Structure formats: structure tokens, C-alpha cells
Amino acid sequence: MIVVVCPGQGSQTPGFLEPWLAEPRFAERLRSISDAAGIDLVAHGTTSDADTIRDTAVAQPLIVAAGILTLEALLDGGRREKIGAIAGHSVGEITAAAGAGILNDADAMRFVRERGTAMAAAAALEPTGMSAVLGGDEAELLARLDELGLEPANYNGGGQIVVAGALDALAALAENPPAKTRVVPLQVAGAFHTRYMKPAVAHLSEVAASLTPADPTLPIWTNNDGTQVASGARFVELLVGQVSSPVRWDLCMESFLAAGVTGIIELAPAGALTGLAKRAMRGIPSVAIKTPDDLAAAFELIDQA
């Protein structure tokens, strides 16, 4: 079974869509997605600098648009029936929802635009951030986070947990980390997937009420607890709650293994999730689609399934 995975915020880099837009069919498609989002994603995917595309309100629509573009290229030629399932990490869950048919492309882009704007506004209310914690004992780390008023934001598997909260508390964690851990500050605008995002949840609940989700046509897992979700309405409900709750990517990968995954294909901007899979899902072949040149390896993996 081949699982398509959709990356989250932080995977984007300046100019990462340039190789795609060199092909007229991809350039035309991205322009239509940009129109749906009301954002110039062509510029942000090619000429915008790192600071610009780090902005949450820009980064999230850009990542989802790139995923939709990549997925359409991947499934070109009738390969959809060979894909066993789909899942996304954080904002990548919106890409997955579009890929599974829960949201049409226009609704997916409208939802992610509102998500990015609402999360950026919530992040601006207090100075917060995120850090990746590598290694160590999970129970010891969670106890230390509780002492500092920090929260686990992403359980990424493979010995990596991203934590979030007040900047002074993150600095205290870095100065006195739990045994055998390494703390790496992340270049993000706020404490995503924590209580600090509650204002964004309220707004997205209103946005979600205007959507008309369909039930998924591909099996899809949720970051909430790593289980499959058969109801489109329920998946959208979880998308809203996910903004202020931890991403359980570790449980998603456990579910992939339990379901008998034989290969993983990561959509653009790819690399982060295949990297986690190599540590937590050893022996499972993977392809990261970064440019159109990577499609041939993805096609080969699908055809071998």
C-alpha cells in the first residue's frame, strides 16, 4: 500500500516552485489556485525571500497549493486507484483533505487562507515560539515542559518532539534541557498547536460552518490520534481543533505500519516527512517529490506496489 503524505509549515524554501513553473501546465494550474486563494502564490513560490514566505499567512496557502499541484502531477495517467491512503502533517492535513475529496480545491484554499491569517493574528498577541527537542526520555521532557508552562506541539516520532510556548520559557528549556536531549529553536512566528491558538479556533469554526465537505474517497488519517476518519464533516471538525492541539504524527506513522504500508510518497515541498519516516519506519521505501524530475521515481514506486 502506497501512502501519500503532505508536509506542514516550515518545509518551504525560497524559489522551491521554480522548477515546477518552468513547465507551462504547472504554471497555469498554480495561477488558477492563486486566484482561488486571493494570493500571488506564483511570486511567493519563485521570487519571494525567506522572510516573506515564513509569514504564516503566506506559508500555509503556499504549502497547500504546492501539495495540490504535486498531487495532480502524481496522479496523472490514472494512478489514483493505486494510492492506498493519504495523510498530512499540520497544515498538510488540508492538502490531504483536498486529495481525499473531502474539500474541493477552492474550499481548501479558502480554508487555508483563513487558517494562516487567523493563526498569524493569534501569534501576534503574545511573544511565543517553538523548539524541536531531539532525543531523551519523553516522560522526563513532558515533566520539564509542565514546570515551564510549555506544551508539546508536534509528536513527530523518531525521537523528535516540537515544543511551544513563551519565549523566556523556551530559553530556560534550552539552558537547562532534560538529560540526553538537544533543543533546536525553530524559525516560526508563534506557539502553534497550543492554547495560544484558541482565538484562531473560534474564527475557523465559523469558516468551517460555511463548507460542504464530502466523505473521503481515499482512506485518510487524522493528526488528532492517528486513526482513520470516514466522515468528511468529522475530518473538517478535527481540522479546526487541530490548530490548538498537538500534532500526533508519531501515531499516524504507527497507523501506516499497522495498515501494511509498502511505500511513502511525500508531496512538495518535500523532505521533512520522508526524513521522519526513515527513522521511525525503517525499511519502508520513500520518495520525496521536490521537483518534476522526482516524479519518475514516484511513478516507479507506485507501479511496483
C-alpha atoms as a PDB file:
ATOM      1  CA  MET A   1       0.000   0.000   0.000  1.00  0.00           C
ATOM      2  CA  ILE A   2       1.321   3.413  -1.016  1.00  0.00           C
ATOM      3  CA  VAL A   3       0.618   6.319   1.347  1.00  0.00           C
ATOM      4  CA  VAL A   4       0.865   9.895   0.097  1.00  0.00           C
ATOM      5  CA  VAL A   5       1.966  12.326   2.797  1.00  0.00           C
ATOM      6  CA  CYS A   6       1.596  16.115   2.738  1.00  0.00           C
ATOM      7  CA  PRO A   7       4.127  18.317   4.583  1.00  0.00           C
ATOM      8  CA  GLY A   8       3.453  21.151   7.009  1.00  0.00           C
ATOM      9  CA  GLN A   9       4.729  24.638   7.671  1.00  0.00           C
ATOM     10  CA  GLY A  10       8.481  25.108   7.745  1.00  0.00           C
ATOM     11  CA  SER A  11       9.134  22.857   4.749  1.00  0.00           C
ATOM     12  CA  GLN A  12       9.060  25.757   2.262  1.00  0.00           C
ATOM     13  CA  THR A  13      12.246  27.388   0.938  1.00  0.00           C
ATOM     14  CA  PRO A  14      12.729  30.411  -1.355  1.00  0.00           C
ATOM     15  CA  GLY A  15      12.194  29.562  -5.019  1.00  0.00           C
ATOM     16  CA  PHE A  16      11.137  25.961  -4.417  1.00  0.00           C
ATOM     17  CA  LEU A  17       8.411  26.130  -7.080  1.00  0.00           C
ATOM     18  CA  GLU A  18      10.682  27.464  -9.829  1.00  0.00           C
ATOM     19  CA  PRO A  19      11.316  24.005 -11.390  1.00  0.00           C
ATOM     20  CA  TRP A  20       7.569  23.366 -11.487  1.00  0.00           C
ATOM     21  CA  LEU A  21       6.666  26.687 -13.063  1.00  0.00           C
ATOM     22  CA  ALA A  22       9.180  26.133 -15.835  1.00  0.00           C
ATOM     23  CA  GLU A  23       6.501  23.840 -17.287  1.00  0.00           C
ATOM     24  CA  PRO A  24       3.519  25.798 -18.695  1.00  0.00           C
ATOM     25  CA  ARG A  25       0.880  23.314 -17.466  1.00  0.00           C
ATOM     26  CA  PHE A  26       2.045  23.675 -13.862  1.00  0.00           C
ATOM     27  CA  ALA A  27       2.380  27.456 -14.142  1.00  0.00           C
ATOM     28  CA  GLU A  28      -1.163  27.746 -15.468  1.00  0.00           C
ATOM     29  CA  ARG A  29      -2.519  25.491 -12.723  1.00  0.00           C
ATOM     30  CA  LEU A  30      -0.778  27.435  -9.961  1.00  0.00           C
ATOM     31  CA  ARG A  31      -2.193  30.672 -11.311  1.00  0.00           C
ATOM     32  CA  SER A  32      -5.700  29.239 -11.042  1.00  0.00           C
ATOM     33  CA  ILE A  33      -5.017  28.076  -7.467  1.00  0.00           C
ATOM     34  CA  SER A  34      -3.629  31.538  -6.658  1.00  0.00           C
ATOM     35  CA  ASP A  35      -6.842  33.106  -7.915  1.00  0.00           C
ATOM     36  CA  ALA A  36      -8.850  30.844  -5.587  1.00  0.00           C
ATOM     37  CA  ALA A  37      -6.659  31.835  -2.637  1.00  0.00           C
ATOM     38  CA  GLY A  38      -6.513  35.533  -3.480  1.00  0.00           C
ATOM     39  CA  ILE A  39      -2.717  35.429  -3.001  1.00  0.00           C
ATOM     40  CA  ASP A  40       0.091  35.673  -5.572  1.00  0.00           C
ATOM     41  CA  LEU A  41       1.462  32.197  -4.975  1.00  0.00           C
ATOM     42  CA  VAL A  42       3.435  32.287  -8.219  1.00  0.00           C
ATOM     43  CA  ALA A  43       5.586  35.102  -6.834  1.00  0.00           C
ATOM     44  CA  HIS A  44       5.805  33.540  -3.376  1.00  0.00           C
ATOM     45  CA  GLY A  45       6.910  30.222  -4.856  1.00  0.00           C
ATOM     46  CA  THR A  46       9.608  31.756  -7.021  1.00  0.00           C
ATOM     47  CA  THR A  47      10.884  35.245  -6.134  1.00  0.00           C
ATOM     48  CA  SER A  48       9.747  35.954  -2.561  1.00  0.00           C
ATOM     49  CA  ASP A  49      12.503  35.842   0.052  1.00  0.00           C
ATOM     50  CA  ALA A  50      12.744  33.635   3.145  1.00  0.00           C
ATOM     51  CA  ASP A  51      11.222  36.199   5.497  1.00  0.00           C
ATOM     52  CA  THR A  52       8.213  36.693   3.235  1.00  0.00           C
ATOM     53  CA  ILE A  53       7.378  33.014   2.887  1.00  0.00           C
ATOM     54  CA  ARG A  54       7.979  32.456   6.608  1.00  0.00           C
ATOM     55  CA  ASP A  55       4.934  34.636   7.294  1.00  0.00           C
ATOM     56  CA  THR A  56       2.233  32.220   8.423  1.00  0.00           C
ATOM     57  CA  ALA A  57      -0.414  33.925   6.290  1.00  0.00           C
ATOM     58  CA  VAL A  58       1.753  33.285   3.204  1.00  0.00           C
ATOM     59  CA  ALA A  59       3.423  29.999   4.116  1.00  0.00           C
ATOM     60  CA  GLN A  60       0.284  27.966   4.715  1.00  0.00           C
ATOM     61  CA  PRO A  61      -1.517  28.710   1.418  1.00  0.00           C
ATOM     62  CA  LEU A  62       1.784  28.276  -0.430  1.00  0.00           C
ATOM     63  CA  ILE A  63       2.388  24.829   1.037  1.00  0.00           C
ATOM     64  CA  VAL A  64      -1.140  23.591   0.358  1.00  0.00           C
ATOM     65  CA  ALA A  65      -1.055  24.942  -3.211  1.00  0.00           C
ATOM     66  CA  ALA A  66       2.264  23.188  -3.833  1.00  0.00           C
ATOM     67  CA  GLY A  67       0.823  19.955  -2.488  1.00  0.00           C
ATOM     68  CA  ILE A  68      -2.275  20.145  -4.683  1.00  0.00           C
ATOM     69  CA  LEU A  69      -0.091  20.873  -7.713  1.00  0.00           C
ATOM     70  CA  THR A  70       2.229  17.951  -6.957  1.00  0.00           C
ATOM     71  CA  LEU A  71      -0.594  15.525  -6.256  1.00  0.00           C
ATOM     72  CA  GLU A  72      -2.274  16.254  -9.583  1.00  0.00           C
ATOM     73  CA  ALA A  73       1.020  15.582 -11.356  1.00  0.00           C
ATOM     74  CA  LEU A  74       1.498  12.375  -9.376  1.00  0.00           C
ATOM     75  CA  LEU A  75      -1.952  11.023 -10.196  1.00  0.00           C
ATOM     76  CA  ASP A  76      -1.795  11.964 -13.871  1.00  0.00           C
ATOM     77  CA  GLY A  77      -2.272   8.870 -16.017  1.00  0.00           C
ATOM     78  CA  GLY A  78      -4.790   7.040 -13.841  1.00  0.00           C
ATOM     79  CA  ARG A  79      -2.583   6.240 -10.871  1.00  0.00           C
ATOM     80  CA  ARG A  80      -5.147   7.290  -8.247  1.00  0.00           C
ATOM     81  CA  GLU A  81      -6.521   3.771  -7.864  1.00  0.00           C
ATOM     82  CA  LYS A  82      -3.020   2.606  -6.916  1.00  0.00           C
ATOM     83  CA  ILE A  83      -2.779   5.016  -3.967  1.00  0.00           C
ATOM     84  CA  GLY A  84      -3.816   3.296  -0.740  1.00  0.00           C
ATOM     85  CA  ALA A  85      -4.238   6.290   1.572  1.00  0.00           C
ATOM     86  CA  ILE A  86      -3.273   9.895   2.303  1.00  0.00           C
ATOM     87  CA  ALA A  87      -2.353  11.935   5.370  1.00  0.00           C
ATOM     88  CA  GLY A  88      -0.965  15.374   6.128  1.00  0.00           C
ATOM     89  CA  HIS A  89       1.150  16.926   8.843  1.00  0.00           C
ATOM     90  CA  SER A  90      -0.410  20.036  10.427  1.00  0.00           C
ATOM     91  CA  VAL A  91      -1.466  22.367   7.588  1.00  0.00           C
ATOM     92  CA  GLY A  92      -0.723  19.453   5.258  1.00  0.00           C
ATOM     93  CA  GLU A  93      -3.973  17.936   6.506  1.00  0.00           C
ATOM     94  CA  ILE A  94      -5.786  20.484   4.330  1.00  0.00           C
ATOM     95  CA  THR A  95      -3.824  19.236   1.313  1.00  0.00           C
ATOM     96  CA  ALA A  96      -4.776  15.690   2.306  1.00  0.00           C
ATOM     97  CA  ALA A  97      -8.430  16.692   2.653  1.00  0.00           C
ATOM     98  CA  ALA A  98      -8.362  18.033  -0.905  1.00  0.00           C
ATOM     99  CA  GLY A  99      -6.576  14.906  -2.147  1.00  0.00           C
ATOM    100  CA  ALA A 100      -9.146  12.659  -0.487  1.00  0.00           C
ATOM    101  CA  GLY A 101     -12.050  14.615  -1.982  1.00  0.00           C
ATOM    102  CA  ILE A 102     -13.273  15.980   1.371  1.00  0.00           C
ATOM    103  CA  LEU A 103     -12.778  19.580   0.200  1.00  0.00           C
ATOM    104  CA  ASN A 104     -12.716  20.865  -3.344  1.00  0.00           C
ATOM    105  CA  ASP A 105      -9.647  22.897  -4.279  1.00  0.00           C
ATOM    106  CA  ALA A 106     -11.399  26.254  -3.916  1.00  0.00           C
ATOM    107  CA  ASP A 107     -12.692  25.439  -0.420  1.00  0.00           C
ATOM    108  CA  ALA A 108      -9.312  24.022   0.600  1.00  0.00           C
ATOM    109  CA  MET A 109      -7.561  27.228  -0.459  1.00  0.00           C
ATOM    110  CA  ARG A 110     -10.170  29.432   1.203  1.00  0.00           C
ATOM    111  CA  PHE A 111      -9.889  27.444   4.421  1.00  0.00           C
ATOM    112  CA  VAL A 112      -6.087  27.522   4.473  1.00  0.00           C
ATOM    113  CA  ARG A 113      -6.042  31.247   3.710  1.00  0.00           C
ATOM    114  CA  GLU A 114      -8.293  31.882   6.698  1.00  0.00           C
ATOM    115  CA  ARG A 115      -6.278  29.445   8.829  1.00  0.00           C
ATOM    116  CA  GLY A 116      -2.987  31.166   8.056  1.00  0.00           C
ATOM    117  CA  THR A 117      -4.377  34.628   8.679  1.00  0.00           C
ATOM    118  CA  ALA A 118      -6.083  33.607  11.932  1.00  0.00           C
ATOM    119  CA  MET A 119      -3.011  31.809  13.274  1.00  0.00           C
ATOM    120  CA  ALA A 120      -0.776  34.767  12.397  1.00  0.00           C
ATOM    121  CA  ALA A 121      -3.149  37.078  14.266  1.00  0.00           C
ATOM    122  CA  ALA A 122      -3.200  34.774  17.297  1.00  0.00           C
ATOM    123  CA  ALA A 123       0.603  34.533  17.267  1.00  0.00           C
ATOM    124  CA  ALA A 124       0.868  38.319  17.294  1.00  0.00           C
ATOM    125  CA  LEU A 125      -0.970  38.574  20.618  1.00  0.00           C
ATOM    126  CA  GLU A 126       1.963  37.302  22.717  1.00  0.00           C
ATOM    127  CA  PRO A 127       5.685  36.660  22.046  1.00  0.00           C
ATOM    128  CA  THR A 128       5.856  32.884  21.650  1.00  0.00           C
ATOM    129  CA  GLY A 129       7.808  30.351  19.646  1.00  0.00           C
ATOM    130  CA  MET A 130       8.683  26.703  19.107  1.00  0.00           C
ATOM    131  CA  SER A 131      11.731  24.472  19.536  1.00  0.00           C
ATOM    132  CA  ALA A 132      12.475  20.932  18.434  1.00  0.00           C
ATOM    133  CA  VAL A 133      13.669  18.607  21.186  1.00  0.00           C
ATOM    134  CA  LEU A 134      15.696  15.653  19.954  1.00  0.00           C
ATOM    135  CA  GLY A 135      16.372  12.518  21.988  1.00  0.00           C
ATOM    136  CA  GLY A 136      15.995  11.938  25.716  1.00  0.00           C
ATOM    137  CA  ASP A 137      13.192  10.407  27.757  1.00  0.00           C
ATOM    138  CA  GLU A 138       9.695  11.546  26.779  1.00  0.00           C
ATOM    139  CA  ALA A 139       8.265  11.388  30.298  1.00  0.00           C
ATOM    140  CA  GLU A 140      11.141  13.465  31.659  1.00  0.00           C
ATOM    141  CA  LEU A 141      10.675  16.027  28.889  1.00  0.00           C
ATOM    142  CA  LEU A 142       6.927  16.323  29.480  1.00  0.00           C
ATOM    143  CA  ALA A 143       7.529  16.872  33.197  1.00  0.00           C
ATOM    144  CA  ARG A 144      10.036  19.619  32.395  1.00  0.00           C
ATOM    145  CA  LEU A 145       7.567  21.258  29.992  1.00  0.00           C
ATOM    146  CA  ASP A 146       4.921  21.256  32.704  1.00  0.00           C
ATOM    147  CA  GLU A 147       7.324  23.032  35.066  1.00  0.00           C
ATOM    148  CA  LEU A 148       7.990  25.740  32.483  1.00  0.00           C
ATOM    149  CA  GLY A 149       4.424  26.175  31.235  1.00  0.00           C
ATOM    150  CA  LEU A 150       5.370  24.851  27.787  1.00  0.00           C
ATOM    151  CA  GLU A 151       3.348  22.415  25.685  1.00  0.00           C
ATOM    152  CA  PRO A 152       4.203  19.584  23.283  1.00  0.00           C
ATOM    153  CA  ALA A 153       3.041  20.772  19.853  1.00  0.00           C
ATOM    154  CA  ASN A 154       4.249  18.068  17.443  1.00  0.00           C
ATOM    155  CA  TYR A 155       4.989  14.469  18.350  1.00  0.00           C
ATOM    156  CA  ASN A 156       6.989  13.759  15.212  1.00  0.00           C
ATOM    157  CA  GLY A 157       8.265  10.283  16.025  1.00  0.00           C
ATOM    158  CA  GLY A 158      11.835   9.102  15.685  1.00  0.00           C
ATOM    159  CA  GLY A 159      12.776  10.757  18.975  1.00  0.00           C
ATOM    160  CA  GLN A 160      11.634  14.267  17.998  1.00  0.00           C
ATOM    161  CA  ILE A 161       9.056  16.380  19.822  1.00  0.00           C
ATOM    162  CA  VAL A 162       8.423  20.017  18.957  1.00  0.00           C
ATOM    163  CA  VAL A 163       7.514  22.113  21.991  1.00  0.00           C
ATOM    164  CA  ALA A 164       5.978  25.568  22.132  1.00  0.00           C
ATOM    165  CA  GLY A 165       5.166  28.465  24.412  1.00  0.00           C
ATOM    166  CA  ALA A 166       6.558  31.688  25.841  1.00  0.00           C
ATOM    167  CA  LEU A 167       9.992  32.710  24.554  1.00  0.00           C
ATOM    168  CA  ASP A 168      11.508  33.036  28.026  1.00  0.00           C
ATOM    169  CA  ALA A 169      10.327  29.524  28.904  1.00  0.00           C
ATOM    170  CA  LEU A 170      11.828  28.143  25.690  1.00  0.00           C
ATOM    171  CA  ALA A 171      15.104  29.876  26.557  1.00  0.00           C
ATOM    172  CA  ALA A 172      15.008  28.287  30.027  1.00  0.00           C
ATOM    173  CA  LEU A 173      14.484  24.864  28.443  1.00  0.00           C
ATOM    174  CA  ALA A 174      17.462  25.375  26.158  1.00  0.00           C
ATOM    175  CA  GLU A 175      19.644  26.488  29.094  1.00  0.00           C
ATOM    176  CA  ASN A 176      18.685  23.515  31.234  1.00  0.00           C
ATOM    177  CA  PRO A 177      17.393  20.725  28.979  1.00  0.00           C
ATOM    178  CA  PRO A 178      16.467  17.204  30.120  1.00  0.00           C
ATOM    179  CA  ALA A 179      19.256  14.637  30.018  1.00  0.00           C
ATOM    180  CA  LYS A 180      20.419  13.438  26.606  1.00  0.00           C
ATOM    181  CA  THR A 181      18.333  15.954  24.663  1.00  0.00           C
ATOM    182  CA  ARG A 182      19.215  18.643  22.164  1.00  0.00           C
ATOM    183  CA  VAL A 183      16.994  21.733  21.887  1.00  0.00           C
ATOM    184  CA  VAL A 184      16.852  23.462  18.492  1.00  0.00           C
ATOM    185  CA  PRO A 185      14.922  26.773  18.203  1.00  0.00           C
ATOM    186  CA  LEU A 186      12.663  26.929  15.145  1.00  0.00           C
ATOM    187  CA  GLN A 187      12.126  29.952  12.919  1.00  0.00           C
ATOM    188  CA  VAL A 188       8.349  30.204  13.328  1.00  0.00           C
ATOM    189  CA  ALA A 189       6.087  33.067  14.307  1.00  0.00           C
ATOM    190  CA  GLY A 190       4.303  31.580  17.313  1.00  0.00           C
ATOM    191  CA  ALA A 191       3.268  28.660  19.507  1.00  0.00           C
ATOM    192  CA  PHE A 192       1.187  26.704  17.013  1.00  0.00           C
ATOM    193  CA  HIS A 193      -0.906  23.728  18.162  1.00  0.00           C
ATOM    194  CA  THR A 194      -1.141  25.052  21.728  1.00  0.00           C
ATOM    195  CA  ARG A 195      -3.546  27.073  23.864  1.00  0.00           C
ATOM    196  CA  TYR A 196      -2.135  30.247  22.302  1.00  0.00           C
ATOM    197  CA  MET A 197      -4.044  29.429  19.114  1.00  0.00           C
ATOM    198  CA  LYS A 198      -7.517  29.384  20.729  1.00  0.00           C
ATOM    199  CA  PRO A 199      -8.512  32.694  19.052  1.00  0.00           C
ATOM    200  CA  ALA A 200      -7.829  31.108  15.658  1.00  0.00           C
ATOM    201  CA  VAL A 201     -10.028  28.113  16.527  1.00  0.00           C
ATOM    202  CA  ALA A 202     -13.004  30.376  17.152  1.00  0.00           C
ATOM    203  CA  HIS A 203     -12.637  32.018  13.735  1.00  0.00           C
ATOM    204  CA  LEU A 204     -12.066  28.750  11.874  1.00  0.00           C
ATOM    205  CA  SER A 205     -15.188  27.245  13.421  1.00  0.00           C
ATOM    206  CA  GLU A 206     -17.165  29.928  11.598  1.00  0.00           C
ATOM    207  CA  VAL A 207     -15.297  29.288   8.348  1.00  0.00           C
ATOM    208  CA  ALA A 208     -15.856  25.528   8.624  1.00  0.00           C
ATOM    209  CA  ALA A 209     -19.598  26.059   9.026  1.00  0.00           C
ATOM    210  CA  SER A 210     -19.687  27.536   5.511  1.00  0.00           C
ATOM    211  CA  LEU A 211     -18.038  24.476   3.912  1.00  0.00           C
ATOM    212  CA  THR A 212     -19.801  21.465   2.386  1.00  0.00           C
ATOM    213  CA  PRO A 213     -17.384  18.577   2.954  1.00  0.00           C
ATOM    214  CA  ALA A 214     -17.814  15.208   1.260  1.00  0.00           C
ATOM    215  CA  ASP A 215     -16.837  11.866   2.723  1.00  0.00           C
ATOM    216  CA  PRO A 216     -13.309  10.807   1.722  1.00  0.00           C
ATOM    217  CA  THR A 217     -12.736   8.736  -1.393  1.00  0.00           C
ATOM    218  CA  LEU A 218      -9.290   7.729  -0.098  1.00  0.00           C
ATOM    219  CA  PRO A 219      -8.554   6.421   3.398  1.00  0.00           C
ATOM    220  CA  ILE A 220      -7.266   9.370   5.439  1.00  0.00           C
ATOM    221  CA  TRP A 221      -5.682   9.557   8.893  1.00  0.00           C
ATOM    222  CA  THR A 222      -6.021  12.394  11.372  1.00  0.00           C
ATOM    223  CA  ASN A 223      -3.247  14.117  13.339  1.00  0.00           C
ATOM    224  CA  ASN A 224      -5.608  14.107  16.308  1.00  0.00           C
ATOM    225  CA  ASP A 225      -4.903  10.496  17.285  1.00  0.00           C
ATOM    226  CA  GLY A 226      -3.593   8.698  14.205  1.00  0.00           C
ATOM    227  CA  THR A 227      -6.891   6.977  13.374  1.00  0.00           C
ATOM    228  CA  GLN A 228      -8.702   6.837  10.047  1.00  0.00           C
ATOM    229  CA  VAL A 229     -11.679   9.153   9.606  1.00  0.00           C
ATOM    230  CA  ALA A 230     -14.580   8.052   7.386  1.00  0.00           C
ATOM    231  CA  SER A 231     -16.673  11.226   7.677  1.00  0.00           C
ATOM    232  CA  GLY A 232     -15.732  14.372   5.793  1.00  0.00           C
ATOM    233  CA  ALA A 233     -17.668  16.542   8.239  1.00  0.00           C
ATOM    234  CA  ARG A 234     -15.801  14.979  11.153  1.00  0.00           C
ATOM    235  CA  PHE A 235     -12.453  15.496   9.422  1.00  0.00           C
ATOM    236  CA  VAL A 236     -13.161  19.211   8.949  1.00  0.00           C
ATOM    237  CA  GLU A 237     -14.157  19.420  12.612  1.00  0.00           C
ATOM    238  CA  LEU A 238     -10.796  17.892  13.512  1.00  0.00           C
ATOM    239  CA  LEU A 239      -9.016  20.346  11.189  1.00  0.00           C
ATOM    240  CA  VAL A 240     -10.421  23.191  13.264  1.00  0.00           C
ATOM    241  CA  GLY A 241      -9.484  21.666  16.620  1.00  0.00           C
ATOM    242  CA  GLN A 242      -6.033  20.684  15.372  1.00  0.00           C
ATOM    243  CA  VAL A 243      -4.942  24.336  15.339  1.00  0.00           C
ATOM    244  CA  SER A 244      -4.700  24.375  19.156  1.00  0.00           C
ATOM    245  CA  SER A 245      -3.969  20.689  19.837  1.00  0.00           C
ATOM    246  CA  PRO A 246      -0.814  18.596  19.345  1.00  0.00           C
ATOM    247  CA  VAL A 247       0.039  17.000  16.013  1.00  0.00           C
ATOM    248  CA  ARG A 248       0.368  13.254  16.596  1.00  0.00           C
ATOM    249  CA  TRP A 249       2.411  12.365  13.537  1.00  0.00           C
ATOM    250  CA  ASP A 250       4.023   9.588  15.548  1.00  0.00           C
ATOM    251  CA  LEU A 251       0.638   7.872  15.814  1.00  0.00           C
ATOM    252  CA  CYS A 252      -0.039   8.415  12.122  1.00  0.00           C
ATOM    253  CA  MET A 253       3.198   6.598  11.238  1.00  0.00           C
ATOM    254  CA  GLU A 254       2.298   3.769  13.614  1.00  0.00           C
ATOM    255  CA  SER A 255      -1.023   3.500  11.783  1.00  0.00           C
ATOM    256  CA  PHE A 256       0.738   3.393   8.416  1.00  0.00           C
ATOM    257  CA  LEU A 257       2.796   0.439   9.587  1.00  0.00           C
ATOM    258  CA  ALA A 258      -0.224  -1.334  11.071  1.00  0.00           C
ATOM    259  CA  ALA A 259      -2.079  -0.901   7.765  1.00  0.00           C
ATOM    260  CA  GLY A 260       0.752  -2.569   5.836  1.00  0.00           C
ATOM    261  CA  VAL A 261       2.322   0.406   4.084  1.00  0.00           C
ATOM    262  CA  THR A 262       4.818  -0.588   1.379  1.00  0.00           C
ATOM    263  CA  GLY A 263       5.929   2.880   0.304  1.00  0.00           C
ATOM    264  CA  ILE A 264       5.609   6.586   1.126  1.00  0.00           C
ATOM    265  CA  ILE A 265       5.481   9.463  -1.338  1.00  0.00           C
ATOM    266  CA  GLU A 266       5.820  13.000   0.017  1.00  0.00           C
ATOM    267  CA  LEU A 267       4.387  15.928  -1.917  1.00  0.00           C
ATOM    268  CA  ALA A 268       6.250  19.206  -2.416  1.00  0.00           C
ATOM    269  CA  PRO A 269       7.808  20.964  -0.588  1.00  0.00           C
ATOM    270  CA  ALA A 270       9.095  17.522   0.318  1.00  0.00           C
ATOM    271  CA  GLY A 271      11.806  16.124   2.563  1.00  0.00           C
ATOM    272  CA  ALA A 272      10.736  16.561   6.188  1.00  0.00           C
ATOM    273  CA  LEU A 273       8.236  13.706   6.386  1.00  0.00           C
ATOM    274  CA  THR A 274      10.314  11.209   4.414  1.00  0.00           C
ATOM    275  CA  GLY A 275      13.160  12.087   6.782  1.00  0.00           C
ATOM    276  CA  LEU A 276      10.997  11.235   9.800  1.00  0.00           C
ATOM    277  CA  ALA A 277       9.833   8.030   8.121  1.00  0.00           C
ATOM    278  CA  LYS A 278      13.398   6.871   7.586  1.00  0.00           C
ATOM    279  CA  ARG A 279      13.917   6.979  11.351  1.00  0.00           C
ATOM    280  CA  ALA A 280      10.532   5.739  12.557  1.00  0.00           C
ATOM    281  CA  MET A 281       9.583   3.413   9.675  1.00  0.00           C
ATOM    282  CA  ARG A 282      12.894   1.795   8.847  1.00  0.00           C
ATOM    283  CA  GLY A 283      12.966  -0.268   5.672  1.00  0.00           C
ATOM    284  CA  ILE A 284       9.913   1.355   4.069  1.00  0.00           C
ATOM    285  CA  PRO A 285      10.909   2.905   0.714  1.00  0.00           C
ATOM    286  CA  SER A 286      10.074   6.550   0.212  1.00  0.00           C
ATOM    287  CA  VAL A 287      10.206   9.249  -2.452  1.00  0.00           C
ATOM    288  CA  ALA A 288      10.292  12.987  -1.768  1.00  0.00           C
ATOM    289  CA  ILE A 289       8.853  14.912  -4.737  1.00  0.00           C
ATOM    290  CA  LYS A 290      10.790  18.168  -4.700  1.00  0.00           C
ATOM    291  CA  THR A 291      10.848  18.889  -8.440  1.00  0.00           C
ATOM    292  CA  PRO A 292       9.184  17.383 -11.532  1.00  0.00           C
ATOM    293  CA  ASP A 293      12.331  15.301 -12.001  1.00  0.00           C
ATOM    294  CA  ASP A 294      11.342  13.295  -8.904  1.00  0.00           C
ATOM    295  CA  LEU A 295       8.036  12.167 -10.424  1.00  0.00           C
ATOM    296  CA  ALA A 296       9.666   9.274 -12.299  1.00  0.00           C
ATOM    297  CA  ALA A 297      10.855   7.667  -9.036  1.00  0.00           C
ATOM    298  CA  ALA A 298       7.388   8.175  -7.516  1.00  0.00           C
ATOM    299  CA  PHE A 299       5.738   6.567 -10.543  1.00  0.00           C
ATOM    300  CA  GLU A 300       8.106   3.613 -10.250  1.00  0.00           C
ATOM    301  CA  LEU A 301       7.274   3.153  -6.569  1.00  0.00           C
ATOM    302  CA  ILE A 302       3.532   3.232  -7.339  1.00  0.00           C
ATOM    303  CA  ASP A 303       3.857   0.797 -10.248  1.00  0.00           C
ATOM    304  CA  GLN A 304       5.766  -1.649  -8.045  1.00  0.00           C
ATOM    305  CA  ALA A 305       3.057  -1.635  -5.362  1.00  0.00           C
END
